[in-house]
């Protein structure tokens, strides 16, 4: 057993069991997996159902666990037969493809209390029971950036955590509910959200060893309706009770940002308050604001996970980097991999 020091701003700090740390990434398709730094990764989740034998073999050869992501409908969780069939279907995919487990990607709303909330917990318990019985080693669950009913996902996070190996915290979707107008373009993963979101999971008594901090290898491009005093105002985009959301913008891979905006590297500004990169441009007379993370900002946020003793860090998603013939852009790709902690 070893003790990992927490940020001094936190009241909670404790010992966690020494175990394999995690660098957990999502594979979303294509051939870029051949160029991954496999020595950095510990787990990948196949997000799109493309179970390439060569990819799985390569991962296993580097001691990287391979799981797959699976969604379930609200209606299915409310039906015992449907839940059983869903679990058996997951087991079938795992056995057929030689996988190591399942990543549960559930993002629909559930009130507290509600049948949906209770039956989601029951589904996870039932899945854990079957996996334990069959010796399937990994079961994980994707959670919002904070347990505070983000996106109306008022799940029983404590009970869920007790039945999975770890949570993957989606710290790349923090602006889905920005509140009421005026709506403003905001960073995707500001350091304030990183710290407060993780801390709220810890406050619930969920061990740090069950938390993986997922961060973006992508950015968000927002068209501004107006720019005033340095603020990019955006149109309302309602989502689950919030009038302002990131739906007013669009997610853009880092590789696309680098190749589309030729002066991104020279004209971006590091916003210290959020530890995020900001880039402004105009298109057909309309101002845009892009928020994204780069090796500098990500290294700071990975450091938060280290300081708080988390299970590790994660990536959404592994297909966001540039792999081409431009040496300058390839240096960015190399740096994105190099700043990841090395656990494998």
Protein backbone atom coordinates (compact mmCIF):
# COMPACT_ATOMS: atom_id res chain seq x y z
CA UNK A 1 0.00 0.00 0.00
CA UNK A 2 1.26 3.47 -0.82
CA UNK A 3 0.11 7.00 -0.16
CA UNK A 4 -0.29 9.52 -2.99
CA UNK A 5 -0.40 13.20 -2.08
CA UNK A 6 -3.53 15.19 -2.94
CA UNK A 7 -3.78 18.83 -3.95
CA UNK A 8 -3.43 20.97 -0.84
CA UNK A 9 -6.82 22.56 -1.59
CA UNK A 10 -8.49 19.28 -0.81
CA UNK A 11 -9.54 18.01 2.59
CA UNK A 12 -9.47 14.40 1.51
CA UNK A 13 -6.36 12.33 1.07
CA UNK A 14 -5.79 8.66 1.72
CA UNK A 15 -3.95 5.53 0.89
CA UNK A 16 -4.84 3.62 -2.25
CA UNK A 17 -3.92 0.10 -3.14
CA UNK A 18 -0.95 -0.23 -5.42
CA UNK A 19 -2.30 -1.61 -8.69
CA UNK A 20 -1.93 -1.16 -12.41
CA UNK A 21 -2.44 2.46 -13.33
CA UNK A 22 -4.41 3.31 -16.45
CA UNK A 23 -3.98 5.18 -19.70
CA UNK A 24 -7.39 4.47 -21.22
CA UNK A 25 -8.13 5.55 -24.79
CA UNK A 26 -11.05 5.20 -27.18
CA UNK A 27 -10.56 3.81 -30.69
CA UNK A 28 -13.18 5.26 -33.05
CA UNK A 29 -12.11 3.82 -36.41
CA UNK A 30 -9.53 4.05 -39.16
CA UNK A 31 -5.92 2.91 -39.44
CA UNK A 32 -4.19 5.37 -37.09
CA UNK A 33 -3.94 2.62 -34.48
CA UNK A 34 -0.89 1.33 -36.34
CA UNK A 35 0.89 4.55 -35.27
CA UNK A 36 -0.16 4.68 -31.61
CA UNK A 37 2.53 4.79 -28.96
CA UNK A 38 1.52 1.40 -27.59
CA UNK A 39 4.08 1.67 -24.80
CA UNK A 40 1.98 4.43 -23.23
CA UNK A 41 -1.49 2.84 -23.40
CA UNK A 42 -2.82 0.31 -20.89
CA UNK A 43 -6.41 -0.09 -22.17
CA UNK A 44 -8.32 0.80 -25.31
CA UNK A 45 -12.06 0.65 -25.87
CA UNK A 46 -13.38 -0.09 -29.33
CA UNK A 47 -16.14 2.48 -29.64
CA UNK A 48 -17.52 1.76 -33.10
CA UNK A 49 -17.84 -2.01 -33.31
CA UNK A 50 -14.84 -2.41 -35.62
CA UNK A 51 -13.09 -5.41 -34.10
CA UNK A 52 -9.97 -5.57 -36.27
CA UNK A 53 -8.03 -8.75 -35.39
CA UNK A 54 -4.70 -7.02 -36.18
CA UNK A 55 -5.51 -4.14 -33.83
CA UNK A 56 -6.46 -6.52 -31.02
CA UNK A 57 -3.34 -8.61 -31.59
CA UNK A 58 -1.11 -5.54 -31.56
CA UNK A 59 -2.66 -4.30 -28.34
CA UNK A 60 -2.28 -7.65 -26.59
CA UNK A 61 1.34 -7.88 -27.76
CA UNK A 62 1.98 -4.64 -25.86
CA UNK A 63 0.12 -5.75 -22.73
CA UNK A 64 -2.78 -3.39 -23.51
CA UNK A 65 -6.26 -4.53 -22.49
CA UNK A 66 -8.92 -4.34 -25.19
CA UNK A 67 -12.56 -3.74 -24.28
CA UNK A 68 -15.54 -2.41 -26.20
CA UNK A 69 -18.09 0.30 -25.49
CA UNK A 70 -21.77 -0.56 -25.40
CA UNK A 71 -24.90 1.52 -24.91
CA UNK A 72 -28.25 0.43 -23.49
CA UNK A 73 -31.62 2.10 -23.86
CA UNK A 74 -33.65 3.37 -20.92
CA UNK A 75 -36.44 0.97 -21.83
CA UNK A 76 -34.14 -2.06 -21.72
CA UNK A 77 -32.91 -1.33 -18.21
CA UNK A 78 -36.51 -1.45 -16.97
CA UNK A 79 -37.01 -5.00 -18.22
CA UNK A 80 -35.26 -7.92 -16.52
CA UNK A 81 -35.29 -10.09 -19.64
CA UNK A 82 -33.85 -7.31 -21.77
CA UNK A 83 -31.10 -6.64 -19.22
CA UNK A 84 -30.15 -10.32 -19.21
CA UNK A 85 -30.05 -10.45 -23.01
CA UNK A 86 -27.96 -7.26 -23.10
CA UNK A 87 -25.40 -8.75 -20.71
CA UNK A 88 -25.26 -12.05 -22.61
CA UNK A 89 -24.81 -10.12 -25.86
CA UNK A 90 -21.84 -8.28 -24.34
CA UNK A 91 -20.34 -11.56 -23.16
CA UNK A 92 -20.76 -12.96 -26.67
CA UNK A 93 -18.87 -10.07 -28.25
CA UNK A 94 -16.09 -10.37 -25.68
CA UNK A 95 -15.65 -14.11 -26.25
CA UNK A 96 -15.96 -13.94 -30.03
CA UNK A 97 -13.27 -11.27 -30.34
CA UNK A 98 -10.96 -12.24 -27.48
CA UNK A 99 -11.60 -9.01 -25.57
CA UNK A 100 -10.90 -8.22 -21.93
CA UNK A 101 -14.13 -6.57 -20.91
CA UNK A 102 -16.73 -3.89 -21.37
CA UNK A 103 -16.98 -0.11 -21.17
CA UNK A 104 -20.56 0.94 -20.37
CA UNK A 105 -21.45 4.18 -22.14
CA UNK A 106 -24.73 5.39 -20.66
CA UNK A 107 -25.62 9.07 -20.96
CA UNK A 108 -29.40 9.30 -20.75
CA UNK A 109 -31.19 11.28 -18.01
CA UNK A 110 -32.43 9.69 -14.80
CA UNK A 111 -34.03 11.49 -11.88
CA UNK A 112 -33.30 10.76 -8.22
CA UNK A 113 -35.31 8.80 -7.27
CA UNK A 114 -36.66 7.07 -10.39
CA UNK A 115 -37.08 3.55 -11.79
CA UNK A 116 -34.46 4.41 -14.44
CA UNK A 117 -31.88 5.26 -11.79
CA UNK A 118 -32.54 2.15 -9.75
CA UNK A 119 -32.58 -0.21 -12.71
CA UNK A 120 -29.38 1.23 -14.13
CA UNK A 121 -27.68 0.38 -10.85
CA UNK A 122 -29.25 -3.08 -11.01
CA UNK A 123 -27.95 -3.59 -14.56
CA UNK A 124 -24.40 -2.74 -13.51
CA UNK A 125 -24.64 -5.07 -10.50
CA UNK A 126 -25.95 -7.89 -12.70
CA UNK A 127 -23.21 -7.30 -15.27
CA UNK A 128 -20.55 -7.31 -12.57
CA UNK A 129 -21.94 -10.56 -11.16
CA UNK A 130 -21.83 -12.31 -14.54
CA UNK A 131 -18.36 -10.96 -15.39
CA UNK A 132 -16.98 -12.05 -12.01
CA UNK A 133 -18.46 -15.52 -12.44
CA UNK A 134 -17.00 -15.86 -15.95
CA UNK A 135 -13.62 -14.35 -15.10
CA UNK A 136 -13.98 -11.33 -17.44
CA UNK A 137 -11.39 -8.95 -16.00
CA UNK A 138 -12.55 -5.40 -16.80
CA UNK A 139 -15.83 -3.52 -16.38
CA UNK A 140 -15.85 0.29 -16.59
CA UNK A 141 -18.49 3.01 -16.70
CA UNK A 142 -18.40 6.45 -18.36
CA UNK A 143 -19.55 9.28 -16.10
CA UNK A 144 -20.14 13.01 -16.52
CA UNK A 145 -17.45 15.45 -15.38
CA UNK A 146 -19.17 15.81 -12.00
CA UNK A 147 -21.69 13.68 -10.05
CA UNK A 148 -23.96 16.73 -9.55
CA UNK A 149 -26.74 15.57 -11.93
CA UNK A 150 -24.86 16.88 -14.97
CA UNK A 151 -27.08 16.53 -18.07
CA UNK A 152 -29.79 15.29 -15.68
CA UNK A 153 -27.76 12.11 -15.11
CA UNK A 154 -28.64 11.77 -11.41
CA UNK A 155 -27.21 8.27 -11.10
CA UNK A 156 -26.33 6.41 -7.90
CA UNK A 157 -22.62 6.95 -8.44
CA UNK A 158 -21.57 5.34 -5.18
CA UNK A 159 -23.42 2.09 -5.92
CA UNK A 160 -22.20 2.11 -9.52
CA UNK A 161 -18.59 2.58 -8.41
CA UNK A 162 -18.85 -0.43 -6.12
CA UNK A 163 -19.65 -2.66 -9.08
CA UNK A 164 -17.11 -1.54 -11.68
CA UNK A 165 -13.32 -1.49 -11.84
CA UNK A 166 -13.28 2.25 -12.43
CA UNK A 167 -15.14 5.27 -13.77
CA UNK A 168 -13.99 7.04 -16.93
CA UNK A 169 -14.68 10.72 -16.15
CA UNK A 170 -15.71 12.55 -19.33
CA UNK A 171 -13.86 15.77 -18.56
CA UNK A 172 -14.10 16.74 -22.23
CA UNK A 173 -17.84 17.50 -22.13
CA UNK A 174 -18.06 20.10 -19.40
CA UNK A 175 -20.00 22.73 -21.34
CA UNK A 176 -23.11 20.72 -22.22
CA UNK A 177 -25.07 22.84 -19.73
CA UNK A 178 -23.78 26.42 -19.49
CA UNK A 179 -26.94 27.85 -17.95
CA UNK A 180 -29.07 30.75 -19.15
CA UNK A 181 -28.20 33.50 -21.66
CA UNK A 182 -26.10 35.38 -22.41
CA UNK A 183 -24.34 32.32 -23.85
CA UNK A 184 -20.56 32.42 -24.18
CA UNK A 185 -17.96 30.16 -25.78
CA UNK A 186 -16.09 28.44 -22.97
CA UNK A 187 -13.14 26.01 -22.72
CA UNK A 188 -13.93 22.33 -23.07
CA UNK A 189 -11.93 21.16 -20.05
CA UNK A 190 -11.08 24.14 -17.81
CA UNK A 191 -8.82 23.38 -14.88
CA UNK A 192 -11.49 24.58 -12.43
CA UNK A 193 -13.88 21.86 -13.66
CA UNK A 194 -11.11 19.27 -13.61
CA UNK A 195 -10.36 19.91 -9.96
CA UNK A 196 -13.90 20.46 -8.68
CA UNK A 197 -15.42 17.59 -10.67
CA UNK A 198 -12.93 15.01 -9.46
CA UNK A 199 -13.13 16.30 -5.91
CA UNK A 200 -16.91 15.85 -5.86
CA UNK A 201 -16.53 12.17 -6.75
CA UNK A 202 -14.01 11.84 -3.93
CA UNK A 203 -16.38 13.61 -1.53
CA UNK A 204 -18.91 10.84 -2.15
CA UNK A 205 -16.37 8.38 -0.77
CA UNK A 206 -15.49 6.92 -4.17
CA UNK A 207 -11.82 5.86 -3.99
CA UNK A 208 -9.31 7.72 -6.14
CA UNK A 209 -8.21 4.32 -7.40
CA UNK A 210 -11.60 4.00 -9.14
CA UNK A 211 -11.31 7.24 -11.11
CA UNK A 212 -9.71 7.76 -14.51
CA UNK A 213 -9.59 11.36 -15.72
CA UNK A 214 -10.65 11.49 -19.37
CA UNK A 215 -9.38 14.53 -21.31
CA UNK A 216 -9.84 15.75 -24.91
CA UNK A 217 -7.55 15.39 -27.87
CA UNK A 218 -10.00 17.59 -29.75
CA UNK A 219 -11.25 21.17 -29.63
CA UNK A 220 -14.49 23.11 -30.00
CA UNK A 221 -15.12 25.73 -32.66
CA UNK A 222 -17.82 28.29 -31.83
CA UNK A 223 -19.25 30.85 -34.28
CA UNK A 224 -19.60 34.11 -32.36
CA UNK A 225 -22.76 36.18 -32.71
CA UNK A 226 -20.80 39.04 -31.16
CA UNK A 227 -17.37 39.66 -29.65
CA UNK A 228 -17.33 42.22 -26.86
CA UNK A 229 -14.54 42.94 -24.38
CA UNK A 230 -12.81 39.74 -25.39
CA UNK A 231 -15.89 37.55 -24.89
CA UNK A 232 -17.31 35.45 -27.74
CA UNK A 233 -21.09 35.37 -27.40
CA UNK A 234 -22.85 32.43 -29.03
CA UNK A 235 -26.42 31.58 -29.93
CA UNK A 236 -28.58 29.63 -27.44
CA UNK A 237 -28.57 25.86 -27.96
CA UNK A 238 -30.93 24.27 -25.43
CA UNK A 239 -30.00 20.92 -23.91
CA UNK A 240 -31.71 19.18 -20.98
CA UNK A 241 -32.95 22.26 -19.21
CA UNK A 242 -30.04 24.56 -20.09
CA UNK A 243 -30.49 27.29 -22.68
CA UNK A 244 -26.76 27.51 -23.41
CA UNK A 245 -24.65 24.50 -24.39
CA UNK A 246 -21.69 23.39 -26.48
CA UNK A 247 -24.17 22.32 -29.15
CA UNK A 248 -23.75 25.88 -30.45
CA UNK A 249 -20.28 24.84 -31.59
CA UNK A 250 -18.74 21.77 -33.15
CA UNK A 251 -16.11 19.35 -31.99
CA UNK A 252 -12.95 19.35 -34.12
CA UNK A 253 -10.04 16.91 -34.00
CA UNK A 254 -6.69 18.45 -33.13
CA UNK A 255 -5.35 17.18 -36.46
CA UNK A 256 -8.06 19.12 -38.30
CA UNK A 257 -7.33 22.27 -36.32
CA UNK A 258 -3.64 22.01 -37.16
CA UNK A 259 -4.15 21.42 -40.87
CA UNK A 260 -7.08 23.81 -41.39
CA UNK A 261 -5.75 26.81 -39.49
CA UNK A 262 -2.17 27.31 -40.66
CA UNK A 263 -1.34 29.84 -37.95
CA UNK A 264 -2.89 27.91 -35.05
CA UNK A 265 0.50 27.16 -33.50
CA UNK A 266 1.73 30.75 -33.65
CA UNK A 267 -1.47 32.70 -32.94
CA UNK A 268 -3.09 30.65 -30.17
CA UNK A 269 -3.16 32.14 -26.69
CA UNK A 270 -2.76 30.22 -23.44
CA UNK A 271 -5.50 31.29 -21.05
CA UNK A 272 -3.95 30.78 -17.64
CA UNK A 273 -7.20 30.92 -15.67
CA UNK A 274 -8.56 27.80 -17.40
CA UNK A 275 -5.24 26.30 -18.59
CA UNK A 276 -6.70 26.04 -22.09
CA UNK A 277 -5.66 27.22 -25.56
CA UNK A 278 -7.73 29.88 -27.35
CA UNK A 279 -7.62 30.67 -31.06
CA UNK A 280 -9.71 33.35 -32.79
CA UNK A 281 -10.33 33.66 -36.53
CA UNK A 282 -12.88 34.94 -39.03
CA UNK A 283 -14.72 33.03 -41.72
CA UNK A 284 -16.84 34.90 -44.27
CA UNK A 285 -16.87 37.88 -41.96
CA UNK A 286 -18.05 35.94 -38.92
CA UNK A 287 -15.74 35.69 -35.89
CA UNK A 288 -15.04 32.27 -34.44
CA UNK A 289 -13.46 31.15 -31.21
CA UNK A 290 -11.72 27.79 -30.84
CA UNK A 291 -10.91 26.24 -27.49
CA UNK A 292 -8.60 23.25 -27.37
CA UNK A 293 -5.93 21.47 -25.36
CA UNK A 294 -2.34 20.90 -26.39
CA UNK A 295 0.66 19.15 -24.79
CA UNK A 296 1.27 22.08 -22.43
CA UNK A 297 -2.27 22.28 -21.04
CA UNK A 298 -2.75 18.51 -20.95
CA UNK A 299 0.45 17.98 -19.00
CA UNK A 300 -0.91 20.26 -16.27
CA UNK A 301 -4.22 18.39 -16.16
CA UNK A 302 -2.54 14.98 -16.18
CA UNK A 303 -0.59 16.32 -13.22
CA UNK A 304 -3.84 16.90 -11.34
CA UNK A 305 -4.68 13.21 -11.74
CA UNK A 306 -1.23 12.29 -10.47
CA UNK A 307 -1.40 14.63 -7.48
CA UNK A 308 -4.85 13.36 -6.51
CA UNK A 309 -3.78 9.73 -6.73
CA UNK A 310 -6.27 8.77 -9.42
CA UNK A 311 -6.22 5.43 -11.20
CA UNK A 312 -4.95 7.23 -14.27
CA UNK A 313 -5.93 9.36 -17.24
CA UNK A 314 -7.84 8.79 -20.43
CA UNK A 315 -8.20 10.10 -23.98
CA UNK A 316 -11.17 11.04 -26.12
CA UNK A 317 -10.24 10.04 -28.69
CA UNK A 318 -7.18 8.33 -30.13
CA UNK A 319 -8.00 9.30 -33.74
CA UNK A 320 -7.62 13.05 -33.15
CA UNK A 321 -3.90 13.38 -33.86
CA UNK A 322 -2.05 14.25 -37.04
CA UNK A 323 -0.10 11.52 -38.84
CA UNK A 324 1.34 12.93 -42.02
CA UNK A 325 4.46 14.32 -43.69
CA UNK A 326 4.57 17.76 -42.04
CA UNK A 327 7.46 17.57 -39.57
CA UNK A 328 6.22 20.48 -37.45
CA UNK A 329 2.77 18.94 -37.00
CA UNK A 330 4.27 15.53 -36.30
CA UNK A 331 6.24 17.13 -33.46
CA UNK A 332 2.91 18.08 -31.89
CA UNK A 333 1.72 14.48 -32.24
CA UNK A 334 4.91 13.19 -30.62
CA UNK A 335 4.49 15.67 -27.77
CA UNK A 336 0.84 14.66 -27.23
CA UNK A 337 2.00 11.11 -26.65
CA UNK A 338 5.11 11.99 -24.65
CA UNK A 339 3.31 14.09 -21.99
CA UNK A 340 1.11 11.14 -21.06
CA UNK A 341 2.23 9.40 -17.86
CA UNK A 342 3.96 6.08 -18.51
CA UNK A 343 2.26 3.21 -16.70
CA UNK A 344 2.56 0.28 -19.13
